[in-house]
Amino acid sequence: MTATTLPPDTPEVPDRINEALFREVLAWIELHQERWSQRLWSGLGPCGTTHCLAGWTYVLSAEHLIEYDIDGDLIVPGGGTVKQFAKVELGLTEAEARELFLYTTVMVPGPAGMGTARPPTFAELCAKVQEVTGIRFKPAESASEVGDGG
């Protein structure tokens, strides 16, 4: 395998980051964007179960039974949270996890300094992942390896 030379402005991905899992989760989200919302850890939407980045990390990396409560929220064994589980599995620091998992709103400038809030797009999520971790996700790069996930 040949080493890739990155442009000087591209940060290196720290060894502690689980790059393979990030790529798997981003590829799944890309193929199922109707089932992704950064505003929900988990929930029921018109297209089925919906999760954020942390929620899909939990579901796709699970070596445990995936259970939901009556409201459609994920039940984490041992009483932990989806955020805690995903932070550990992805190899994130607390600050990185906060920056990625709480990335729920993008402000769009408006007239007279007034802006409106909207959820991030998939492309904006990928840019945020690159900014925080150094992982540059190319669309559809691992789509053939992605399973159904829930």
C-alpha atoms as a PDB file:
ATOM      1  CA  MET A   1       0.000   0.000   0.000  1.00  0.00           C
ATOM      2  CA  THR A   2       1.382   3.396  -0.973  1.00  0.00           C
ATOM      3  CA  ALA A   3       1.330   6.210   1.566  1.00  0.00           C
ATOM      4  CA  THR A   4      -0.791   9.183   0.589  1.00  0.00           C
ATOM      5  CA  THR A   5       0.705  12.642   0.921  1.00  0.00           C
ATOM      6  CA  LEU A   6      -1.815  15.101   2.297  1.00  0.00           C
ATOM      7  CA  PRO A   7      -1.795  18.810   1.557  1.00  0.00           C
ATOM      8  CA  PRO A   8      -0.011  20.858   4.276  1.00  0.00           C
ATOM      9  CA  ASP A   9      -3.315  22.276   5.573  1.00  0.00           C
ATOM     10  CA  THR A  10      -4.759  18.778   6.208  1.00  0.00           C
ATOM     11  CA  PRO A  11      -4.386  17.691   9.831  1.00  0.00           C
ATOM     12  CA  GLU A  12      -3.221  14.165  10.545  1.00  0.00           C
ATOM     13  CA  VAL A  13      -5.771  11.826  12.055  1.00  0.00           C
ATOM     14  CA  PRO A  14      -4.666  11.025  15.626  1.00  0.00           C
ATOM     15  CA  ASP A  15      -3.960   7.305  16.235  1.00  0.00           C
ATOM     16  CA  ARG A  16      -6.612   7.184  18.950  1.00  0.00           C
ATOM     17  CA  ILE A  17      -9.365   8.027  16.428  1.00  0.00           C
ATOM     18  CA  ASN A  18     -11.254   4.996  15.072  1.00  0.00           C
ATOM     19  CA  GLU A  19     -11.114   6.129  11.451  1.00  0.00           C
ATOM     20  CA  ALA A  20     -12.598   2.893  10.063  1.00  0.00           C
ATOM     21  CA  LEU A  21     -15.691   3.249  12.253  1.00  0.00           C
ATOM     22  CA  PHE A  22     -16.072   6.939  11.356  1.00  0.00           C
ATOM     23  CA  ARG A  23     -15.961   6.019   7.661  1.00  0.00           C
ATOM     24  CA  GLU A  24     -18.473   3.194   8.115  1.00  0.00           C
ATOM     25  CA  VAL A  25     -20.918   5.449   9.968  1.00  0.00           C
ATOM     26  CA  LEU A  26     -20.557   8.341   7.505  1.00  0.00           C
ATOM     27  CA  ALA A  27     -21.023   5.982   4.543  1.00  0.00           C
ATOM     28  CA  TRP A  28     -24.192   4.562   6.105  1.00  0.00           C
ATOM     29  CA  ILE A  29     -25.561   8.032   6.842  1.00  0.00           C
ATOM     30  CA  GLU A  30     -24.772   9.126   3.294  1.00  0.00           C
ATOM     31  CA  LEU A  31     -26.813   6.261   1.859  1.00  0.00           C
ATOM     32  CA  HIS A  32     -29.671   6.748   4.341  1.00  0.00           C
ATOM     33  CA  GLN A  33     -29.819  10.502   4.905  1.00  0.00           C
ATOM     34  CA  GLU A  34     -33.576  10.314   5.428  1.00  0.00           C
ATOM     35  CA  ARG A  35     -32.804   8.353   8.617  1.00  0.00           C
ATOM     36  CA  TRP A  36     -30.225  10.834   9.956  1.00  0.00           C
ATOM     37  CA  SER A  37     -30.814  13.917  12.079  1.00  0.00           C
ATOM     38  CA  GLN A  38     -28.171  15.635  14.189  1.00  0.00           C
ATOM     39  CA  ARG A  39     -31.031  16.849  16.399  1.00  0.00           C
ATOM     40  CA  LEU A  40     -31.960  13.332  17.646  1.00  0.00           C
ATOM     41  CA  TRP A  41     -29.855  10.762  19.494  1.00  0.00           C
ATOM     42  CA  SER A  42     -32.552   8.392  18.318  1.00  0.00           C
ATOM     43  CA  GLY A  43     -36.195   8.625  17.422  1.00  0.00           C
ATOM     44  CA  LEU A  44     -38.908   7.430  15.133  1.00  0.00           C
ATOM     45  CA  GLY A  45     -39.343   9.331  11.887  1.00  0.00           C
ATOM     46  CA  PRO A  46     -41.500   8.884   8.811  1.00  0.00           C
ATOM     47  CA  CYS A  47     -38.737   6.784   7.173  1.00  0.00           C
ATOM     48  CA  GLY A  48     -38.089   4.574  10.197  1.00  0.00           C
ATOM     49  CA  THR A  49     -35.669   4.863  13.072  1.00  0.00           C
ATOM     50  CA  THR A  50     -33.623   8.069  12.930  1.00  0.00           C
ATOM     51  CA  HIS A  51     -30.311   8.732  14.685  1.00  0.00           C
ATOM     52  CA  CYS A  52     -27.545  11.323  14.810  1.00  0.00           C
ATOM     53  CA  LEU A  53     -23.843  10.597  14.259  1.00  0.00           C
ATOM     54  CA  ALA A  54     -23.501   9.238  17.815  1.00  0.00           C
ATOM     55  CA  GLY A  55     -26.684   7.172  17.522  1.00  0.00           C
ATOM     56  CA  TRP A  56     -25.622   5.528  14.256  1.00  0.00           C
ATOM     57  CA  THR A  57     -22.177   4.890  15.759  1.00  0.00           C
ATOM     58  CA  TYR A  58     -23.910   3.040  18.592  1.00  0.00           C
ATOM     59  CA  VAL A  59     -26.120   1.023  16.254  1.00  0.00           C
ATOM     60  CA  LEU A  60     -23.463   0.159  13.665  1.00  0.00           C
ATOM     61  CA  SER A  61     -20.712  -0.744  16.140  1.00  0.00           C
ATOM     62  CA  ALA A  62     -22.994  -2.640  18.461  1.00  0.00           C
ATOM     63  CA  GLU A  63     -21.930  -6.021  19.674  1.00  0.00           C
ATOM     64  CA  HIS A  64     -25.007  -5.965  21.849  1.00  0.00           C
ATOM     65  CA  LEU A  65     -28.742  -6.176  21.446  1.00  0.00           C
ATOM     66  CA  ILE A  66     -30.189  -2.960  20.042  1.00  0.00           C
ATOM     67  CA  GLU A  67     -33.200  -2.014  22.159  1.00  0.00           C
ATOM     68  CA  TYR A  68     -35.507   0.987  22.090  1.00  0.00           C
ATOM     69  CA  ASP A  69     -37.820   2.315  24.773  1.00  0.00           C
ATOM     70  CA  ILE A  70     -41.469   3.112  24.101  1.00  0.00           C
ATOM     71  CA  ASP A  71     -40.526   6.595  22.810  1.00  0.00           C
ATOM     72  CA  GLY A  72     -38.046   5.162  20.277  1.00  0.00           C
ATOM     73  CA  ASP A  73     -34.946   6.146  22.268  1.00  0.00           C
ATOM     74  CA  LEU A  74     -31.968   3.795  22.357  1.00  0.00           C
ATOM     75  CA  ILE A  75     -31.460   1.845  25.577  1.00  0.00           C
ATOM     76  CA  VAL A  76     -27.751   1.622  26.408  1.00  0.00           C
ATOM     77  CA  PRO A  77     -26.784  -1.438  28.488  1.00  0.00           C
ATOM     78  CA  GLY A  78     -25.392  -0.573  31.902  1.00  0.00           C
ATOM     79  CA  GLY A  79     -27.130   2.801  32.008  1.00  0.00           C
ATOM     80  CA  GLY A  80     -24.558   4.722  29.975  1.00  0.00           C
ATOM     81  CA  THR A  81     -25.459   7.219  27.293  1.00  0.00           C
ATOM     82  CA  VAL A  82     -25.253   7.012  23.525  1.00  0.00           C
ATOM     83  CA  LYS A  83     -22.811   9.948  23.609  1.00  0.00           C
ATOM     84  CA  GLN A  84     -20.490   8.188  26.089  1.00  0.00           C
ATOM     85  CA  PHE A  85     -20.548   4.962  24.077  1.00  0.00           C
ATOM     86  CA  ALA A  86     -19.896   6.710  20.739  1.00  0.00           C
ATOM     87  CA  LYS A  87     -17.154   8.907  22.225  1.00  0.00           C
ATOM     88  CA  VAL A  88     -15.236   5.828  23.411  1.00  0.00           C
ATOM     89  CA  GLU A  89     -15.843   3.772  20.234  1.00  0.00           C
ATOM     90  CA  LEU A  90     -14.754   6.635  17.959  1.00  0.00           C
ATOM     91  CA  GLY A  91     -11.724   7.506  20.135  1.00  0.00           C
ATOM     92  CA  LEU A  92     -12.791  11.090  20.764  1.00  0.00           C
ATOM     93  CA  THR A  93     -11.866  13.440  23.568  1.00  0.00           C
ATOM     94  CA  GLU A  94     -14.718  15.018  25.519  1.00  0.00           C
ATOM     95  CA  ALA A  95     -14.254  18.309  23.644  1.00  0.00           C
ATOM     96  CA  GLU A  96     -14.255  16.561  20.238  1.00  0.00           C
ATOM     97  CA  ALA A  97     -17.362  14.561  21.139  1.00  0.00           C
ATOM     98  CA  ARG A  98     -19.151  17.707  22.261  1.00  0.00           C
ATOM     99  CA  GLU A  99     -18.202  19.544  19.063  1.00  0.00           C
ATOM    100  CA  LEU A 100     -19.396  16.710  16.804  1.00  0.00           C
ATOM    101  CA  PHE A 101     -22.401  15.331  18.670  1.00  0.00           C
ATOM    102  CA  LEU A 102     -23.856  18.736  19.545  1.00  0.00           C
ATOM    103  CA  TYR A 103     -23.449  20.026  15.988  1.00  0.00           C
ATOM    104  CA  THR A 104     -27.193  20.378  15.513  1.00  0.00           C
ATOM    105  CA  THR A 105     -27.624  23.859  14.054  1.00  0.00           C
ATOM    106  CA  VAL A 106     -26.100  25.954  11.288  1.00  0.00           C
ATOM    107  CA  MET A 107     -26.827  29.673  11.323  1.00  0.00           C
ATOM    108  CA  VAL A 108     -27.708  31.148   7.947  1.00  0.00           C
ATOM    109  CA  PRO A 109     -27.126  34.925   7.700  1.00  0.00           C
ATOM    110  CA  GLY A 110     -30.173  36.996   6.914  1.00  0.00           C
ATOM    111  CA  PRO A 111     -31.042  40.624   6.266  1.00  0.00           C
ATOM    112  CA  ALA A 112     -30.111  43.256   8.850  1.00  0.00           C
ATOM    113  CA  GLY A 113     -27.926  40.827  10.763  1.00  0.00           C
ATOM    114  CA  MET A 114     -30.840  38.512  11.508  1.00  0.00           C
ATOM    115  CA  GLY A 115     -30.128  34.868  10.846  1.00  0.00           C
ATOM    116  CA  THR A 116     -32.075  31.661  10.815  1.00  0.00           C
ATOM    117  CA  ALA A 117     -31.103  28.299  12.211  1.00  0.00           C
ATOM    118  CA  ARG A 118     -31.296  25.069  10.244  1.00  0.00           C
ATOM    119  CA  PRO A 119     -29.933  21.558  10.698  1.00  0.00           C
ATOM    120  CA  PRO A 120     -26.568  20.786   9.075  1.00  0.00           C
ATOM    121  CA  THR A 121     -26.425  19.049   5.711  1.00  0.00           C
ATOM    122  CA  PHE A 122     -24.519  15.802   5.241  1.00  0.00           C
ATOM    123  CA  ALA A 123     -21.720  17.729   3.477  1.00  0.00           C
ATOM    124  CA  GLU A 124     -21.506  20.095   6.464  1.00  0.00           C
ATOM    125  CA  LEU A 125     -21.325  17.129   8.847  1.00  0.00           C
ATOM    126  CA  CYS A 126     -18.435  15.681   6.794  1.00  0.00           C
ATOM    127  CA  ALA A 127     -16.659  19.058   6.903  1.00  0.00           C
ATOM    128  CA  LYS A 128     -17.142  19.198  10.701  1.00  0.00           C
ATOM    129  CA  VAL A 129     -15.760  15.659  11.073  1.00  0.00           C
ATOM    130  CA  GLN A 130     -12.707  16.682   9.025  1.00  0.00           C
ATOM    131  CA  GLU A 131     -12.249  19.868  11.056  1.00  0.00           C
ATOM    132  CA  VAL A 132     -12.416  17.996  14.376  1.00  0.00           C
ATOM    133  CA  THR A 133     -10.663  14.705  13.534  1.00  0.00           C
ATOM    134  CA  GLY A 134      -8.720  15.236  10.308  1.00  0.00           C
ATOM    135  CA  ILE A 135     -10.745  12.512   8.542  1.00  0.00           C
ATOM    136  CA  ARG A 136     -11.541  13.558   4.990  1.00  0.00           C
ATOM    137  CA  PHE A 137     -14.611  11.561   3.915  1.00  0.00           C
ATOM    138  CA  LYS A 138     -15.154  11.163   0.184  1.00  0.00           C
ATOM    139  CA  PRO A 139     -18.795  10.488  -0.739  1.00  0.00           C
ATOM    140  CA  ALA A 140     -19.627   6.847  -1.468  1.00  0.00           C
ATOM    141  CA  GLU A 141     -16.070   5.706  -0.655  1.00  0.00           C
ATOM    142  CA  SER A 142     -17.168   2.703   1.363  1.00  0.00           C
ATOM    143  CA  ALA A 143     -20.819   2.277   0.378  1.00  0.00           C
ATOM    144  CA  SER A 144     -20.258  -1.300  -0.771  1.00  0.00           C
ATOM    145  CA  GLU A 145     -19.080  -2.266   2.716  1.00  0.00           C
ATOM    146  CA  VAL A 146     -22.026  -0.784   4.583  1.00  0.00           C
ATOM    147  CA  GLY A 147     -24.771  -3.004   5.942  1.00  0.00           C
ATOM    148  CA  ASP A 148     -28.402  -2.250   6.811  1.00  0.00           C
ATOM    149  CA  GLY A 149     -27.715  -1.203  10.435  1.00  0.00           C
ATOM    150  CA  GLY A 150     -31.191  -1.118  11.821  1.00  0.00           C
END
